[in-house]
Structures are given as C-alpha cells and as structure tokens.
Amino acid sequence: MARRCEICGKGTVAGNNVPRKGQAKKRGGVGQHIGVKTKRVFKPNILKIKANVKGTTKTIKVCARCLKAGKVEKVC
C-alpha cells in the first residue's frame, strides 16, 4: 500500500537532515558549521476515510490538506 493521496497525488519526498553547530555570524557568533548530511523522508499526513465516490461509499486515502479544503465528501 503506497502512502499517497488519491485526490492530489501527494506522497513521500526524500531530503537531507542537516545538523548545524555554532552561532550564526549575524547573531554575534563565529559562523555555523554544517555536519555530515544524512538522508531522511518527509511523510504526508494521510488518513483513511470513507467517502462518496461517484455515488458509492468507498474507503480511500486522503491527505489532511484535501480533507480540510473540502475536496472530499466524508461519510460518517
């Protein structure tokens, strides 16, 4: 099962975890040192809900943004 919104297609995105040490120069320090970058994953807020899809009730995976925007008609 993919972690993907069935409305907008939002899914997981890869990125970097960047550790920073030291105080920035503009805050009175000697500058920041960036350590070794390691990979990380940004996961979307996916919810399983029952919704009306073409007149029938189906369980679909939807991101919280689509649910909040009203792109899906939720069935209780």
Protein backbone atom coordinates (compact mmCIF):
# COMPACT_ATOMS: atom_id res chain seq x y z
CA MET A 1 0.00 0.00 0.00
CA ALA A 2 1.50 3.26 -1.11
CA ARG A 3 1.48 6.31 1.15
CA ARG A 4 -0.13 8.54 -1.47
CA CYS A 5 -3.20 10.79 -1.57
CA GLU A 6 -5.78 9.55 -4.06
CA ILE A 7 -7.03 13.11 -4.73
CA CYS A 8 -3.92 15.24 -5.27
CA GLY A 9 -1.22 12.54 -5.55
CA LYS A 10 0.90 13.84 -2.68
CA GLY A 11 3.40 11.22 -1.48
CA THR A 12 6.66 10.76 0.38
CA VAL A 13 9.57 13.03 -0.53
CA ALA A 14 13.26 12.40 0.17
CA GLY A 15 15.51 15.09 1.59
CA ASN A 16 18.50 15.68 3.83
CA ASN A 17 18.90 16.02 7.58
CA VAL A 18 21.43 18.85 8.02
CA PRO A 19 22.92 19.23 11.52
CA ARG A 20 24.24 22.72 12.27
CA LYS A 21 26.65 23.67 15.07
CA GLY A 22 27.64 27.09 16.31
CA GLN A 23 26.01 30.50 16.39
CA ALA A 24 25.33 32.44 13.19
CA LYS A 25 27.56 35.43 12.41
CA LYS A 26 24.62 37.83 12.32
CA ARG A 27 23.76 36.75 15.89
CA GLY A 28 27.28 37.50 17.19
CA GLY A 29 28.93 34.12 16.64
CA VAL A 30 31.85 32.96 14.54
CA GLY A 31 29.64 31.19 12.00
CA GLN A 32 27.87 27.89 11.66
CA HIS A 33 29.48 24.58 10.76
CA ILE A 34 27.36 22.13 8.79
CA GLY A 35 27.97 18.48 9.65
CA VAL A 36 27.52 15.37 7.52
CA LYS A 37 24.20 15.33 5.69
CA THR A 38 22.13 12.17 6.09
CA LYS A 39 19.07 11.17 4.10
CA ARG A 40 15.59 11.44 5.60
CA VAL A 41 11.98 11.10 4.42
CA PHE A 42 9.16 13.64 4.63
CA LYS A 43 5.86 11.76 5.01
CA PRO A 44 2.46 13.30 4.24
CA ASN A 45 -0.43 13.27 6.70
CA ILE A 46 -2.52 10.52 5.03
CA LEU A 47 -5.85 9.45 6.52
CA LYS A 48 -8.11 6.52 5.61
CA ILE A 49 -11.67 7.82 5.36
CA LYS A 50 -15.00 6.64 4.00
CA ALA A 51 -16.10 8.99 1.25
CA ASN A 52 -18.69 9.28 -1.50
CA VAL A 53 -17.05 8.37 -4.81
CA LYS A 54 -19.44 8.59 -7.78
CA GLY A 55 -22.44 7.86 -5.56
CA THR A 56 -20.93 4.86 -3.75
CA THR A 57 -19.20 4.71 -0.37
CA LYS A 58 -15.53 3.74 -0.58
CA THR A 59 -12.57 3.78 1.79
CA ILE A 60 -9.89 5.99 0.28
CA LYS A 61 -6.59 7.50 1.43
CA VAL A 62 -6.65 11.30 1.52
CA CYS A 63 -4.16 13.87 2.76
CA ALA A 64 -5.26 16.24 5.51
CA ARG A 65 -4.99 19.25 3.19
CA CYS A 66 -7.53 17.82 0.70
CA LEU A 67 -9.86 16.86 3.54
CA LYS A 68 -9.68 20.35 5.06
CA ALA A 69 -10.17 22.05 1.67
CA GLY A 70 -13.42 20.12 1.12
CA LYS A 71 -12.27 18.23 -1.98
CA VAL A 72 -13.77 15.04 -0.48
CA GLU A 73 -17.28 14.42 0.83
CA LYS A 74 -16.77 12.43 4.03
CA VAL A 75 -19.35 9.81 5.11
CA CYS A 76 -19.79 9.15 8.83
